[in-house]
Amino acid sequence: MIAIKAKRSWTTWQIQRKSRFPLVLFSQELLGAAGCRPGLVESLETLLEKELQPDVKKTLTQIVVCLYEGHPLSYALQQSALIFRRFMWRLCAPVKRPAHCLKRWSRYIAYQSQMDVVKRQVISASIYPALLACVGGLVMLFLMVYVVPRFSHIYA
């Protein structure tokens, strides 16, 4: 029997778009808080106390609860799979110490920052050609709908 299963459903995509969990900001703050050496759980509690958005606060609470239950960070991130990409929790899966995970996250921050810069440059570079294509299309439409029928009787 052959079955096809969608990788991502429409509702999953809507939840991800709605939540807008700031992954890069979370990673930067966690990296900065963990750099003070209080421990991973204490760093997450500090981030939880300062957070104002209810969705982000709920997610951070779930992570802290999982860590207090004795689960590794990768498991805690995996429980919030709608927010954290598979890539994020797989960064922490093979390591035993959170310090190695945080080093990997610092590389992720650098990578994501570069990707954001490239994305902004591509978008800003494509605005002008898209605008020219739209204006050119409107001019062609005007010529074909209005000008050509007016001059068709001259050629007839």
C-alpha atoms as a PDB file:
ATOM      1  CA  MET A   1       0.000   0.000   0.000  1.00  0.00           C
ATOM      2  CA  ILE A   2       1.345   3.389  -0.962  1.00  0.00           C
ATOM      3  CA  ALA A   3       0.475   6.417   1.102  1.00  0.00           C
ATOM      4  CA  ILE A   4       1.339  10.058   0.758  1.00  0.00           C
ATOM      5  CA  LYS A   5       1.655  12.214   3.820  1.00  0.00           C
ATOM      6  CA  ALA A   6       2.085  15.967   3.810  1.00  0.00           C
ATOM      7  CA  LYS A   7       5.208  17.230   5.506  1.00  0.00           C
ATOM      8  CA  ARG A   8       3.508  20.267   6.905  1.00  0.00           C
ATOM      9  CA  SER A   9      -0.196  20.861   7.145  1.00  0.00           C
ATOM     10  CA  TRP A  10      -1.896  24.199   6.610  1.00  0.00           C
ATOM     11  CA  THR A  11      -2.811  24.532  10.292  1.00  0.00           C
ATOM     12  CA  THR A  12       0.773  23.832  11.367  1.00  0.00           C
ATOM     13  CA  TRP A  13       1.989  26.541   9.004  1.00  0.00           C
ATOM     14  CA  GLN A  14      -0.616  28.987  10.347  1.00  0.00           C
ATOM     15  CA  ILE A  15       0.408  28.272  13.940  1.00  0.00           C
ATOM     16  CA  GLN A  16       4.049  28.844  13.065  1.00  0.00           C
ATOM     17  CA  ARG A  17       3.226  32.106  11.271  1.00  0.00           C
ATOM     18  CA  LYS A  18       1.027  33.301  14.135  1.00  0.00           C
ATOM     19  CA  SER A  19       3.374  32.523  16.986  1.00  0.00           C
ATOM     20  CA  ARG A  20       6.409  34.355  15.598  1.00  0.00           C
ATOM     21  CA  PHE A  21       8.699  33.072  18.315  1.00  0.00           C
ATOM     22  CA  PRO A  22      11.902  35.126  18.004  1.00  0.00           C
ATOM     23  CA  LEU A  23      14.394  32.273  17.559  1.00  0.00           C
ATOM     24  CA  VAL A  24      17.462  34.399  16.891  1.00  0.00           C
ATOM     25  CA  LEU A  25      16.699  36.795  19.734  1.00  0.00           C
ATOM     26  CA  PHE A  26      15.994  33.865  22.063  1.00  0.00           C
ATOM     27  CA  SER A  27      19.293  32.250  21.056  1.00  0.00           C
ATOM     28  CA  GLN A  28      21.228  35.484  21.577  1.00  0.00           C
ATOM     29  CA  GLU A  29      19.681  36.126  24.980  1.00  0.00           C
ATOM     30  CA  LEU A  30      20.197  32.539  26.093  1.00  0.00           C
ATOM     31  CA  LEU A  31      23.796  32.666  24.944  1.00  0.00           C
ATOM     32  CA  GLY A  32      24.351  35.926  26.822  1.00  0.00           C
ATOM     33  CA  ALA A  33      22.638  34.717  29.973  1.00  0.00           C
ATOM     34  CA  ALA A  34      24.463  31.398  29.920  1.00  0.00           C
ATOM     35  CA  GLY A  35      27.750  33.256  29.453  1.00  0.00           C
ATOM     36  CA  CYS A  36      27.379  34.541  33.025  1.00  0.00           C
ATOM     37  CA  ARG A  37      27.636  30.902  34.209  1.00  0.00           C
ATOM     38  CA  PRO A  38      24.505  30.650  36.377  1.00  0.00           C
ATOM     39  CA  GLY A  39      23.416  27.462  34.620  1.00  0.00           C
ATOM     40  CA  LEU A  40      21.054  26.723  31.775  1.00  0.00           C
ATOM     41  CA  VAL A  41      17.855  26.462  33.823  1.00  0.00           C
ATOM     42  CA  GLU A  42      18.606  29.668  35.713  1.00  0.00           C
ATOM     43  CA  SER A  43      19.344  31.442  32.419  1.00  0.00           C
ATOM     44  CA  LEU A  44      16.028  30.311  31.001  1.00  0.00           C
ATOM     45  CA  GLU A  45      14.225  31.409  34.173  1.00  0.00           C
ATOM     46  CA  THR A  46      15.829  34.838  33.824  1.00  0.00           C
ATOM     47  CA  LEU A  47      14.593  35.069  30.238  1.00  0.00           C
ATOM     48  CA  LEU A  48      11.163  33.896  31.394  1.00  0.00           C
ATOM     49  CA  GLU A  49      10.920  36.613  34.051  1.00  0.00           C
ATOM     50  CA  LYS A  50      11.713  39.427  31.635  1.00  0.00           C
ATOM     51  CA  GLU A  51       9.454  38.203  28.828  1.00  0.00           C
ATOM     52  CA  LEU A  52       6.234  40.138  28.173  1.00  0.00           C
ATOM     53  CA  GLN A  53       4.643  38.249  25.254  1.00  0.00           C
ATOM     54  CA  PRO A  54       2.279  35.516  26.508  1.00  0.00           C
ATOM     55  CA  ASP A  55       3.053  33.032  23.701  1.00  0.00           C
ATOM     56  CA  VAL A  56       6.780  33.282  24.243  1.00  0.00           C
ATOM     57  CA  LYS A  57       6.316  33.107  28.004  1.00  0.00           C
ATOM     58  CA  LYS A  58       4.267  29.917  27.657  1.00  0.00           C
ATOM     59  CA  THR A  59       6.915  28.298  25.468  1.00  0.00           C
ATOM     60  CA  LEU A  60       9.724  29.234  27.845  1.00  0.00           C
ATOM     61  CA  THR A  61       7.703  27.874  30.764  1.00  0.00           C
ATOM     62  CA  GLN A  62       7.284  24.559  28.956  1.00  0.00           C
ATOM     63  CA  ILE A  63      11.038  24.365  28.359  1.00  0.00           C
ATOM     64  CA  VAL A  64      11.881  25.162  31.989  1.00  0.00           C
ATOM     65  CA  VAL A  65       9.376  22.571  33.248  1.00  0.00           C
ATOM     66  CA  CYS A  66      10.891  19.905  30.976  1.00  0.00           C
ATOM     67  CA  LEU A  67      14.374  20.778  32.215  1.00  0.00           C
ATOM     68  CA  TYR A  68      13.227  20.560  35.859  1.00  0.00           C
ATOM     69  CA  GLU A  69      11.800  17.121  35.102  1.00  0.00           C
ATOM     70  CA  GLY A  70      15.324  16.036  34.205  1.00  0.00           C
ATOM     71  CA  HIS A  71      15.012  15.945  30.433  1.00  0.00           C
ATOM     72  CA  PRO A  72      17.838  17.246  28.225  1.00  0.00           C
ATOM     73  CA  LEU A  73      17.508  20.548  26.409  1.00  0.00           C
ATOM     74  CA  SER A  74      16.997  18.816  23.061  1.00  0.00           C
ATOM     75  CA  TYR A  75      13.938  16.996  24.435  1.00  0.00           C
ATOM     76  CA  ALA A  76      12.551  20.221  25.888  1.00  0.00           C
ATOM     77  CA  LEU A  77      12.924  21.957  22.522  1.00  0.00           C
ATOM     78  CA  GLN A  78      11.445  18.963  20.735  1.00  0.00           C
ATOM     79  CA  GLN A  79       8.273  19.245  22.832  1.00  0.00           C
ATOM     80  CA  SER A  80       7.745  22.697  21.309  1.00  0.00           C
ATOM     81  CA  ALA A  81       8.240  21.356  17.803  1.00  0.00           C
ATOM     82  CA  LEU A  82       5.809  23.837  16.263  1.00  0.00           C
ATOM     83  CA  ILE A  83       8.049  26.701  17.322  1.00  0.00           C
ATOM     84  CA  PHE A  84      11.549  25.288  17.243  1.00  0.00           C
ATOM     85  CA  ARG A  85      12.659  23.865  13.974  1.00  0.00           C
ATOM     86  CA  ARG A  86      14.021  20.353  13.872  1.00  0.00           C
ATOM     87  CA  PHE A  87      17.400  21.919  13.209  1.00  0.00           C
ATOM     88  CA  MET A  88      17.336  23.769  16.549  1.00  0.00           C
ATOM     89  CA  TRP A  89      16.783  20.789  18.788  1.00  0.00           C
ATOM     90  CA  ARG A  90      19.086  18.580  16.766  1.00  0.00           C
ATOM     91  CA  LEU A  91      21.879  21.010  17.535  1.00  0.00           C
ATOM     92  CA  CYS A  92      21.619  19.961  21.172  1.00  0.00           C
ATOM     93  CA  ALA A  93      20.772  16.278  20.705  1.00  0.00           C
ATOM     94  CA  PRO A  94      24.238  14.687  20.442  1.00  0.00           C
ATOM     95  CA  VAL A  95      25.907  16.739  23.179  1.00  0.00           C
ATOM     96  CA  LYS A  96      25.963  15.946  26.884  1.00  0.00           C
ATOM     97  CA  ARG A  97      26.955  19.372  28.190  1.00  0.00           C
ATOM     98  CA  PRO A  98      24.904  22.499  27.462  1.00  0.00           C
ATOM     99  CA  ALA A  99      28.088  24.500  26.857  1.00  0.00           C
ATOM    100  CA  HIS A 100      28.672  22.628  23.605  1.00  0.00           C
ATOM    101  CA  CYS A 101      25.078  23.269  22.603  1.00  0.00           C
ATOM    102  CA  LEU A 102      25.498  26.987  23.234  1.00  0.00           C
ATOM    103  CA  LYS A 103      28.623  27.069  21.055  1.00  0.00           C
ATOM    104  CA  ARG A 104      26.625  25.503  18.267  1.00  0.00           C
ATOM    105  CA  TRP A 105      23.844  28.018  18.795  1.00  0.00           C
ATOM    106  CA  SER A 106      26.344  30.858  18.504  1.00  0.00           C
ATOM    107  CA  ARG A 107      27.213  29.539  15.042  1.00  0.00           C
ATOM    108  CA  TYR A 108      23.493  29.377  14.255  1.00  0.00           C
ATOM    109  CA  ILE A 109      23.116  33.025  15.302  1.00  0.00           C
ATOM    110  CA  ALA A 110      25.940  34.062  12.978  1.00  0.00           C
ATOM    111  CA  TYR A 111      24.483  32.018  10.121  1.00  0.00           C
ATOM    112  CA  GLN A 112      20.943  33.325  10.611  1.00  0.00           C
ATOM    113  CA  SER A 113      22.175  36.922  10.842  1.00  0.00           C
ATOM    114  CA  GLN A 114      23.975  36.512   7.521  1.00  0.00           C
ATOM    115  CA  MET A 115      20.872  34.961   5.956  1.00  0.00           C
ATOM    116  CA  ASP A 116      18.723  37.861   7.176  1.00  0.00           C
ATOM    117  CA  VAL A 117      21.121  40.354   5.597  1.00  0.00           C
ATOM    118  CA  VAL A 118      21.111  38.440   2.301  1.00  0.00           C
ATOM    119  CA  LYS A 119      17.299  38.187   2.367  1.00  0.00           C
ATOM    120  CA  ARG A 120      16.942  41.929   2.906  1.00  0.00           C
ATOM    121  CA  GLN A 121      19.399  42.658   0.079  1.00  0.00           C
ATOM    122  CA  VAL A 122      17.591  40.340  -2.341  1.00  0.00           C
ATOM    123  CA  ILE A 123      14.224  41.872  -1.505  1.00  0.00           C
ATOM    124  CA  SER A 124      15.497  45.428  -1.865  1.00  0.00           C
ATOM    125  CA  ALA A 125      17.262  44.552  -5.134  1.00  0.00           C
ATOM    126  CA  SER A 126      14.143  42.936  -6.609  1.00  0.00           C
ATOM    127  CA  ILE A 127      11.738  45.808  -5.910  1.00  0.00           C
ATOM    128  CA  TYR A 128      12.862  47.958  -8.860  1.00  0.00           C
ATOM    129  CA  PRO A 129      12.706  45.196 -11.525  1.00  0.00           C
ATOM    130  CA  ALA A 130       9.298  44.094 -10.236  1.00  0.00           C
ATOM    131  CA  LEU A 131       8.040  47.663 -10.400  1.00  0.00           C
ATOM    132  CA  LEU A 132       9.359  48.037 -13.961  1.00  0.00           C
ATOM    133  CA  ALA A 133       7.707  44.783 -15.011  1.00  0.00           C
ATOM    134  CA  CYS A 134       4.356  45.903 -13.574  1.00  0.00           C
ATOM    135  CA  VAL A 135       4.504  49.320 -15.235  1.00  0.00           C
ATOM    136  CA  GLY A 136       5.609  47.745 -18.541  1.00  0.00           C
ATOM    137  CA  GLY A 137       2.727  45.280 -18.360  1.00  0.00           C
ATOM    138  CA  LEU A 138       0.245  48.082 -17.726  1.00  0.00           C
ATOM    139  CA  VAL A 139       1.605  50.072 -20.694  1.00  0.00           C
ATOM    140  CA  MET A 140       1.344  47.003 -22.949  1.00  0.00           C
ATOM    141  CA  LEU A 141      -2.213  46.385 -21.760  1.00  0.00           C
ATOM    142  CA  PHE A 142      -3.140  50.012 -22.452  1.00  0.00           C
ATOM    143  CA  LEU A 143      -1.659  49.814 -25.930  1.00  0.00           C
ATOM    144  CA  MET A 144      -3.423  46.560 -26.771  1.00  0.00           C
ATOM    145  CA  VAL A 145      -6.820  47.520 -25.331  1.00  0.00           C
ATOM    146  CA  TYR A 146      -7.096  51.224 -26.203  1.00  0.00           C
ATOM    147  CA  VAL A 147      -4.538  52.378 -28.786  1.00  0.00           C
ATOM    148  CA  VAL A 148      -4.536  49.468 -31.250  1.00  0.00           C
ATOM    149  CA  PRO A 149      -8.382  49.372 -31.606  1.00  0.00           C
ATOM    150  CA  ARG A 150      -8.412  53.172 -32.253  1.00  0.00           C
ATOM    151  CA  PHE A 151      -5.909  52.884 -35.077  1.00  0.00           C
ATOM    152  CA  SER A 152      -7.350  49.682 -36.540  1.00  0.00           C
ATOM    153  CA  HIS A 153      -9.868  51.612 -38.647  1.00  0.00           C
ATOM    154  CA  ILE A 154      -7.016  53.576 -40.283  1.00  0.00           C
ATOM    155  CA  TYR A 155      -5.382  50.327 -41.478  1.00  0.00           C
ATOM    156  CA  ALA A 156      -8.716  48.903 -42.593  1.00  0.00           C
END
